[in-house]
Amino acid sequence: MTLFSEINGLPVVTLGEAIRIGVVKSLTIEAEAGLVSRLRIARARGRKETSLPWDVLHAVGPDALLVRSDTVLDSLPPTAPPHHEALGARVLTESGDERGTVRDIAFDPATGRIEEIRTTSGGFPGELLIGLGDYALVVRTG
């Protein structure tokens, strides 16, 4: 298991040439599927943020995230799907009860599957995640 907080700030480099293409700024969640769907990076040399699909990653390590080649940047669509920040988000149950604030999220680095949502009030299994928006992260009351 890997934590969102462990990934933030790590460099994203190419596998063969070790070209640094950016630094991880945050991760995007596809709540309905319970997956990390995208990697948001600040591009090298002062360029704007870029959003990479999770499946372009070759490996997630303790010191860097690897992509096969910097050509992954060439085929990106002009606009990325919406992003809602999970860390620090308010946590609500589907019935509207408040359950703290997201402190961290544990996930499987190979698949992106969310394993646990860690909050200021305890933890929730990833399969209880229903949604994430501007206002809150929502979990089932299971």
N, C-alpha and C. Protein backbone atom coordinates (compact mmCIF):
# COMPACT_ATOMS: atom_id res chain seq x y z
N MET A 1 0.83 -1.18 0.00
CA MET A 1 0.00 0.00 0.00
C MET A 1 0.88 1.26 0.00
N THR A 2 0.39 2.27 -0.68
CA THR A 2 1.07 3.55 -0.76
C THR A 2 0.08 4.63 -0.33
N LEU A 3 0.58 5.70 0.24
CA LEU A 3 -0.26 6.81 0.67
C LEU A 3 -0.15 7.99 -0.28
N PHE A 4 -1.24 8.73 -0.44
CA PHE A 4 -1.21 9.95 -1.24
C PHE A 4 -0.09 10.86 -0.75
N SER A 5 0.05 10.99 0.56
CA SER A 5 1.06 11.90 1.12
C SER A 5 2.48 11.47 0.77
N GLU A 6 2.70 10.19 0.50
CA GLU A 6 4.03 9.71 0.11
C GLU A 6 4.35 10.02 -1.34
N ILE A 7 3.33 10.17 -2.16
CA ILE A 7 3.48 10.41 -3.60
C ILE A 7 3.68 11.89 -3.91
N ASN A 8 2.96 12.75 -3.18
CA ASN A 8 3.04 14.19 -3.44
C ASN A 8 4.48 14.68 -3.35
N GLY A 9 4.90 15.41 -4.38
CA GLY A 9 6.25 15.98 -4.41
C GLY A 9 7.31 15.11 -5.03
N LEU A 10 6.97 13.85 -5.36
CA LEU A 10 7.96 12.97 -6.00
C LEU A 10 8.14 13.34 -7.46
N PRO A 11 9.35 13.15 -7.99
CA PRO A 11 9.57 13.41 -9.41
C PRO A 11 8.95 12.31 -10.28
N VAL A 12 8.57 12.69 -11.48
CA VAL A 12 8.10 11.73 -12.50
C VAL A 12 9.19 11.72 -13.56
N VAL A 13 9.80 10.54 -13.76
CA VAL A 13 10.93 10.43 -14.69
C VAL A 13 10.69 9.31 -15.69
N THR A 14 11.40 9.41 -16.82
CA THR A 14 11.29 8.36 -17.84
C THR A 14 12.16 7.17 -17.45
N LEU A 15 11.75 6.02 -17.88
CA LEU A 15 12.40 4.77 -17.52
C LEU A 15 13.81 4.64 -18.08
N GLY A 16 13.98 4.83 -19.36
CA GLY A 16 15.29 4.62 -19.98
C GLY A 16 16.28 5.74 -19.80
N GLU A 17 15.84 6.96 -20.10
CA GLU A 17 16.75 8.11 -20.12
C GLU A 17 16.80 8.87 -18.80
N ALA A 18 15.91 8.54 -17.88
CA ALA A 18 15.80 9.24 -16.59
C ALA A 18 15.59 10.74 -16.78
N ILE A 19 14.78 11.10 -17.77
CA ILE A 19 14.42 12.50 -17.99
C ILE A 19 13.31 12.87 -17.02
N ARG A 20 13.53 13.91 -16.28
CA ARG A 20 12.52 14.38 -15.32
C ARG A 20 11.47 15.18 -16.09
N ILE A 21 10.22 14.70 -16.08
CA ILE A 21 9.17 15.41 -16.81
C ILE A 21 8.28 16.25 -15.90
N GLY A 22 8.43 16.09 -14.60
CA GLY A 22 7.64 16.89 -13.68
C GLY A 22 7.69 16.36 -12.27
N VAL A 23 6.84 16.96 -11.42
CA VAL A 23 6.73 16.61 -10.01
C VAL A 23 5.26 16.38 -9.68
N VAL A 24 4.97 15.36 -8.91
CA VAL A 24 3.58 15.05 -8.55
C VAL A 24 3.00 16.17 -7.68
N LYS A 25 1.87 16.71 -8.11
CA LYS A 25 1.15 17.73 -7.34
C LYS A 25 -0.03 17.12 -6.59
N SER A 26 -0.74 16.19 -7.24
CA SER A 26 -1.88 15.53 -6.60
C SER A 26 -2.34 14.36 -7.46
N LEU A 27 -3.27 13.61 -6.91
CA LEU A 27 -3.84 12.47 -7.61
C LEU A 27 -5.34 12.69 -7.78
N THR A 28 -5.88 12.27 -8.91
CA THR A 28 -7.30 12.41 -9.18
C THR A 28 -7.97 11.06 -8.96
N ILE A 29 -9.10 11.09 -8.28
CA ILE A 29 -9.86 9.88 -7.95
C ILE A 29 -11.06 9.75 -8.88
N GLU A 30 -11.29 8.54 -9.35
CA GLU A 30 -12.54 8.20 -10.01
C GLU A 30 -13.33 7.45 -8.95
N ALA A 31 -14.16 8.18 -8.21
CA ALA A 31 -14.81 7.66 -7.01
C ALA A 31 -15.71 6.46 -7.29
N GLU A 32 -16.48 6.51 -8.36
CA GLU A 32 -17.41 5.42 -8.66
C GLU A 32 -16.68 4.09 -8.84
N ALA A 33 -15.49 4.13 -9.40
CA ALA A 33 -14.71 2.92 -9.62
C ALA A 33 -13.79 2.60 -8.45
N GLY A 34 -13.61 3.56 -7.53
CA GLY A 34 -12.72 3.36 -6.40
C GLY A 34 -11.26 3.30 -6.79
N LEU A 35 -10.88 4.13 -7.79
CA LEU A 35 -9.53 4.09 -8.33
C LEU A 35 -8.89 5.48 -8.39
N VAL A 36 -7.56 5.48 -8.33
CA VAL A 36 -6.81 6.67 -8.70
C VAL A 36 -6.78 6.63 -10.23
N SER A 37 -7.31 7.65 -10.86
CA SER A 37 -7.43 7.62 -12.32
C SER A 37 -6.37 8.45 -13.04
N ARG A 38 -5.88 9.49 -12.36
CA ARG A 38 -4.92 10.38 -13.03
C ARG A 38 -3.89 10.88 -12.04
N LEU A 39 -2.78 11.26 -12.60
CA LEU A 39 -1.65 11.81 -11.87
C LEU A 39 -1.48 13.25 -12.33
N ARG A 40 -1.58 14.19 -11.44
CA ARG A 40 -1.43 15.61 -11.80
C ARG A 40 0.00 16.01 -11.46
N ILE A 41 0.70 16.52 -12.47
CA ILE A 41 2.10 16.88 -12.26
C ILE A 41 2.35 18.33 -12.68
N ALA A 42 3.29 18.95 -11.98
CA ALA A 42 3.80 20.26 -12.40
C ALA A 42 4.94 19.95 -13.36
N ARG A 43 4.84 20.44 -14.56
CA ARG A 43 5.82 20.15 -15.61
C ARG A 43 7.15 20.80 -15.32
N ALA A 44 8.18 20.18 -15.82
CA ALA A 44 9.53 20.72 -15.70
C ALA A 44 9.64 22.02 -16.50
N ARG A 45 10.57 22.84 -16.13
CA ARG A 45 10.87 24.10 -16.82
C ARG A 45 9.72 25.10 -16.81
N GLY A 46 8.98 25.16 -15.72
CA GLY A 46 7.98 26.20 -15.54
C GLY A 46 6.71 26.08 -16.36
N ARG A 47 6.48 24.93 -16.99
CA ARG A 47 5.25 24.78 -17.77
C ARG A 47 4.08 24.54 -16.84
N LYS A 48 2.88 24.56 -17.40
CA LYS A 48 1.66 24.36 -16.61
C LYS A 48 1.56 22.93 -16.08
N GLU A 49 0.56 22.73 -15.23
CA GLU A 49 0.26 21.39 -14.74
C GLU A 49 -0.24 20.52 -15.88
N THR A 50 0.05 19.25 -15.78
CA THR A 50 -0.40 18.27 -16.76
C THR A 50 -1.07 17.13 -16.00
N SER A 51 -2.03 16.51 -16.62
CA SER A 51 -2.73 15.39 -16.02
C SER A 51 -2.47 14.14 -16.86
N LEU A 52 -1.81 13.15 -16.26
CA LEU A 52 -1.50 11.91 -16.95
C LEU A 52 -2.43 10.79 -16.49
N PRO A 53 -2.91 9.94 -17.41
CA PRO A 53 -3.69 8.78 -16.98
C PRO A 53 -2.83 7.85 -16.12
N TRP A 54 -3.43 7.26 -15.11
CA TRP A 54 -2.70 6.38 -14.19
C TRP A 54 -2.03 5.24 -14.94
N ASP A 55 -2.67 4.74 -15.99
CA ASP A 55 -2.14 3.56 -16.67
C ASP A 55 -0.88 3.82 -17.50
N VAL A 56 -0.43 5.08 -17.61
CA VAL A 56 0.85 5.32 -18.31
C VAL A 56 2.04 5.11 -17.39
N LEU A 57 1.79 4.94 -16.11
CA LEU A 57 2.88 4.71 -15.16
C LEU A 57 3.46 3.31 -15.34
N HIS A 58 4.77 3.24 -15.34
CA HIS A 58 5.46 1.95 -15.38
C HIS A 58 5.64 1.41 -13.97
N ALA A 59 6.00 2.28 -13.04
CA ALA A 59 6.22 1.87 -11.66
C ALA A 59 6.10 3.06 -10.73
N VAL A 60 5.73 2.74 -9.48
CA VAL A 60 5.67 3.74 -8.42
C VAL A 60 6.68 3.28 -7.37
N GLY A 61 7.70 4.11 -7.16
CA GLY A 61 8.72 3.76 -6.18
C GLY A 61 8.75 4.76 -5.04
N PRO A 62 9.59 4.51 -4.05
CA PRO A 62 9.66 5.41 -2.89
C PRO A 62 10.31 6.76 -3.21
N ASP A 63 11.07 6.82 -4.31
CA ASP A 63 11.79 8.05 -4.65
C ASP A 63 11.33 8.71 -5.93
N ALA A 64 10.56 8.00 -6.76
CA ALA A 64 10.11 8.56 -8.04
C ALA A 64 9.02 7.68 -8.64
N LEU A 65 8.29 8.26 -9.59
CA LEU A 65 7.32 7.53 -10.40
C LEU A 65 7.90 7.45 -11.80
N LEU A 66 7.80 6.29 -12.41
CA LEU A 66 8.41 6.07 -13.72
C LEU A 66 7.36 5.94 -14.81
N VAL A 67 7.62 6.61 -15.94
CA VAL A 67 6.84 6.42 -17.16
C VAL A 67 7.82 5.88 -18.21
N ARG A 68 7.32 5.17 -19.19
CA ARG A 68 8.21 4.54 -20.17
C ARG A 68 9.00 5.57 -20.98
N SER A 69 8.35 6.67 -21.35
CA SER A 69 9.00 7.66 -22.23
C SER A 69 8.31 9.00 -22.06
N ASP A 70 9.01 10.07 -22.41
CA ASP A 70 8.37 11.39 -22.35
C ASP A 70 7.38 11.59 -23.49
N THR A 71 7.26 10.62 -24.40
CA THR A 71 6.26 10.71 -25.47
C THR A 71 4.84 10.60 -24.92
N VAL A 72 4.67 10.16 -23.67
CA VAL A 72 3.32 10.12 -23.08
C VAL A 72 2.72 11.52 -23.06
N LEU A 73 3.56 12.53 -23.04
CA LEU A 73 3.08 13.91 -23.02
C LEU A 73 2.55 14.36 -24.37
N ASP A 74 2.99 13.69 -25.45
CA ASP A 74 2.60 14.09 -26.80
C ASP A 74 1.16 13.74 -27.15
N SER A 75 0.62 12.71 -26.50
CA SER A 75 -0.71 12.23 -26.87
C SER A 75 -1.79 12.62 -25.87
N LEU A 76 -1.52 13.61 -25.03
CA LEU A 76 -2.51 14.03 -24.05
C LEU A 76 -3.60 14.88 -24.69
N PRO A 77 -4.86 14.68 -24.27
CA PRO A 77 -5.92 15.55 -24.79
C PRO A 77 -5.72 16.98 -24.28
N PRO A 78 -6.28 17.96 -24.98
CA PRO A 78 -6.06 19.36 -24.58
C PRO A 78 -6.65 19.71 -23.20
N THR A 79 -7.69 19.00 -22.81
CA THR A 79 -8.28 19.26 -21.49
C THR A 79 -8.36 17.95 -20.71
N ALA A 80 -8.13 18.05 -19.42
CA ALA A 80 -8.19 16.87 -18.54
C ALA A 80 -9.56 16.80 -17.88
N PRO A 81 -9.95 15.62 -17.42
CA PRO A 81 -11.21 15.51 -16.69
C PRO A 81 -11.15 16.37 -15.42
N PRO A 82 -12.31 16.70 -14.86
CA PRO A 82 -12.32 17.53 -13.65
C PRO A 82 -11.54 16.88 -12.51
N HIS A 83 -10.94 17.73 -11.71
CA HIS A 83 -10.17 17.26 -10.55
C HIS A 83 -10.73 17.89 -9.29
N HIS A 84 -10.93 17.06 -8.27
CA HIS A 84 -11.36 17.54 -6.95
C HIS A 84 -10.32 17.04 -5.96
N GLU A 85 -9.80 17.94 -5.16
CA GLU A 85 -8.75 17.59 -4.21
C GLU A 85 -9.33 16.74 -3.08
N ALA A 86 -8.75 15.56 -2.86
CA ALA A 86 -9.24 14.65 -1.82
C ALA A 86 -8.65 14.97 -0.45
N LEU A 87 -7.34 15.21 -0.41
CA LEU A 87 -6.71 15.48 0.88
C LEU A 87 -7.24 16.79 1.45
N GLY A 88 -7.69 16.75 2.69
CA GLY A 88 -8.26 17.92 3.32
C GLY A 88 -9.75 18.09 3.08
N ALA A 89 -10.34 17.20 2.26
CA ALA A 89 -11.78 17.31 1.97
C ALA A 89 -12.61 16.88 3.18
N ARG A 90 -13.74 17.49 3.31
CA ARG A 90 -14.71 17.11 4.32
C ARG A 90 -15.26 15.74 3.96
N VAL A 91 -15.54 14.89 4.96
CA VAL A 91 -16.08 13.55 4.71
C VAL A 91 -17.52 13.50 5.24
N LEU A 92 -18.43 13.10 4.35
CA LEU A 92 -19.83 12.96 4.71
C LEU A 92 -20.29 11.54 4.37
N THR A 93 -21.25 11.03 5.17
CA THR A 93 -21.88 9.76 4.81
C THR A 93 -22.99 10.07 3.82
N GLU A 94 -23.50 9.03 3.18
CA GLU A 94 -24.58 9.23 2.21
C GLU A 94 -25.84 9.79 2.87
N SER A 95 -25.95 9.64 4.19
CA SER A 95 -27.10 10.20 4.90
C SER A 95 -26.82 11.62 5.42
N GLY A 96 -25.62 12.15 5.14
CA GLY A 96 -25.31 13.53 5.48
C GLY A 96 -24.58 13.73 6.79
N ASP A 97 -24.21 12.65 7.48
CA ASP A 97 -23.47 12.77 8.73
C ASP A 97 -22.01 13.09 8.45
N GLU A 98 -21.46 14.04 9.20
CA GLU A 98 -20.06 14.41 9.02
C GLU A 98 -19.16 13.40 9.71
N ARG A 99 -18.08 13.01 9.03
CA ARG A 99 -17.13 12.02 9.55
C ARG A 99 -15.69 12.51 9.50
N GLY A 100 -15.49 13.80 9.73
CA GLY A 100 -14.14 14.33 9.78
C GLY A 100 -13.66 14.87 8.46
N THR A 101 -12.34 14.89 8.33
CA THR A 101 -11.65 15.43 7.16
C THR A 101 -10.65 14.40 6.68
N VAL A 102 -10.45 14.30 5.37
CA VAL A 102 -9.50 13.34 4.81
C VAL A 102 -8.08 13.75 5.19
N ARG A 103 -7.38 12.85 5.88
CA ARG A 103 -5.97 13.08 6.21
C ARG A 103 -5.07 12.46 5.16
N ASP A 104 -5.46 11.26 4.67
CA ASP A 104 -4.65 10.56 3.68
C ASP A 104 -5.49 9.47 3.03
N ILE A 105 -4.99 8.95 1.92
CA ILE A 105 -5.66 7.86 1.22
C ILE A 105 -4.61 6.81 0.88
N ALA A 106 -4.90 5.56 1.26
CA ALA A 106 -4.01 4.45 0.95
C ALA A 106 -4.53 3.75 -0.30
N PHE A 107 -3.60 3.41 -1.21
CA PHE A 107 -4.00 2.76 -2.46
C PHE A 107 -2.95 1.76 -2.90
N ASP A 108 -3.34 0.87 -3.80
CA ASP A 108 -2.43 -0.11 -4.38
C ASP A 108 -1.71 0.58 -5.54
N PRO A 109 -0.39 0.73 -5.47
CA PRO A 109 0.32 1.47 -6.53
C PRO A 109 0.32 0.75 -7.88
N ALA A 110 0.12 -0.55 -7.89
CA ALA A 110 0.11 -1.29 -9.16
C ALA A 110 -1.19 -1.08 -9.92
N THR A 111 -2.32 -1.02 -9.20
CA THR A 111 -3.62 -0.94 -9.86
C THR A 111 -4.30 0.42 -9.70
N GLY A 112 -3.89 1.18 -8.67
CA GLY A 112 -4.56 2.44 -8.37
C GLY A 112 -5.80 2.26 -7.52
N ARG A 113 -6.13 1.03 -7.14
CA ARG A 113 -7.33 0.76 -6.33
C ARG A 113 -7.18 1.39 -4.95
N ILE A 114 -8.21 2.13 -4.53
CA ILE A 114 -8.21 2.78 -3.22
C ILE A 114 -8.52 1.73 -2.15
N GLU A 115 -7.61 1.61 -1.19
CA GLU A 115 -7.74 0.61 -0.13
C GLU A 115 -8.37 1.18 1.13
N GLU A 116 -7.98 2.41 1.50
CA GLU A 116 -8.49 2.99 2.75
C GLU A 116 -8.48 4.51 2.66
N ILE A 117 -9.51 5.11 3.23
CA ILE A 117 -9.60 6.56 3.36
C ILE A 117 -9.36 6.86 4.84
N ARG A 118 -8.29 7.56 5.13
CA ARG A 118 -7.93 7.87 6.51
C ARG A 118 -8.39 9.29 6.83
N THR A 119 -9.20 9.40 7.87
CA THR A 119 -9.77 10.69 8.23
C THR A 119 -9.38 11.08 9.66
N THR A 120 -9.74 12.28 10.04
CA THR A 120 -9.49 12.74 11.40
C THR A 120 -10.36 11.99 12.41
N SER A 121 -11.37 11.26 11.93
CA SER A 121 -12.26 10.49 12.81
C SER A 121 -12.06 8.99 12.68
N GLY A 122 -11.01 8.55 12.01
CA GLY A 122 -10.78 7.11 11.81
C GLY A 122 -10.64 6.80 10.33
N GLY A 123 -10.80 5.52 9.99
CA GLY A 123 -10.63 5.11 8.60
C GLY A 123 -11.87 4.46 8.03
N PHE A 124 -11.95 4.46 6.70
CA PHE A 124 -13.03 3.81 5.97
C PHE A 124 -12.41 2.95 4.89
N PRO A 125 -12.93 1.72 4.68
CA PRO A 125 -12.45 0.92 3.56
C PRO A 125 -12.75 1.63 2.24
N GLY A 126 -11.85 1.48 1.28
CA GLY A 126 -12.02 2.14 -0.01
C GLY A 126 -13.31 1.81 -0.72
N GLU A 127 -13.83 0.60 -0.51
CA GLU A 127 -15.06 0.21 -1.22
C GLU A 127 -16.29 0.98 -0.73
N LEU A 128 -16.18 1.74 0.35
CA LEU A 128 -17.30 2.55 0.82
C LEU A 128 -17.36 3.92 0.13
N LEU A 129 -16.35 4.25 -0.65
CA LEU A 129 -16.32 5.53 -1.36
C LEU A 129 -17.43 5.60 -2.40
N ILE A 130 -18.20 6.68 -2.36
CA ILE A 130 -19.28 6.89 -3.32
C ILE A 130 -18.94 8.01 -4.29
N GLY A 131 -18.43 9.12 -3.76
CA GLY A 131 -18.18 10.26 -4.62
C GLY A 131 -17.23 11.27 -4.01
N LEU A 132 -16.74 12.15 -4.87
CA LEU A 132 -15.87 13.24 -4.44
C LEU A 132 -16.18 14.45 -5.31
N GLY A 133 -16.49 15.55 -4.65
CA GLY A 133 -16.79 16.78 -5.37
C GLY A 133 -16.11 17.96 -4.71
N ASP A 134 -16.52 19.16 -5.09
CA ASP A 134 -15.94 20.36 -4.50
C ASP A 134 -16.27 20.49 -3.02
N TYR A 135 -17.42 19.98 -2.61
CA TYR A 135 -17.90 20.17 -1.25
C TYR A 135 -17.39 19.09 -0.28
N ALA A 136 -17.34 17.84 -0.72
CA ALA A 136 -17.00 16.77 0.21
C ALA A 136 -16.69 15.46 -0.52
N LEU A 137 -16.07 14.56 0.25
CA LEU A 137 -15.90 13.16 -0.15
C LEU A 137 -17.05 12.42 0.54
N VAL A 138 -17.77 11.58 -0.18
CA VAL A 138 -18.95 10.90 0.36
C VAL A 138 -18.70 9.41 0.43
N VAL A 139 -19.06 8.81 1.59
CA VAL A 139 -18.90 7.38 1.81
C VAL A 139 -20.24 6.75 2.20
N ARG A 140 -20.37 5.46 1.91
CA ARG A 140 -21.54 4.71 2.36
C ARG A 140 -21.50 4.57 3.88
N THR A 141 -22.64 4.40 4.47
CA THR A 141 -22.72 4.25 5.93
C THR A 141 -22.61 2.79 6.34
N GLY A 142 -21.90 1.98 5.60
CA GLY A 142 -21.78 0.54 5.87
C GLY A 142 -20.94 0.27 7.00
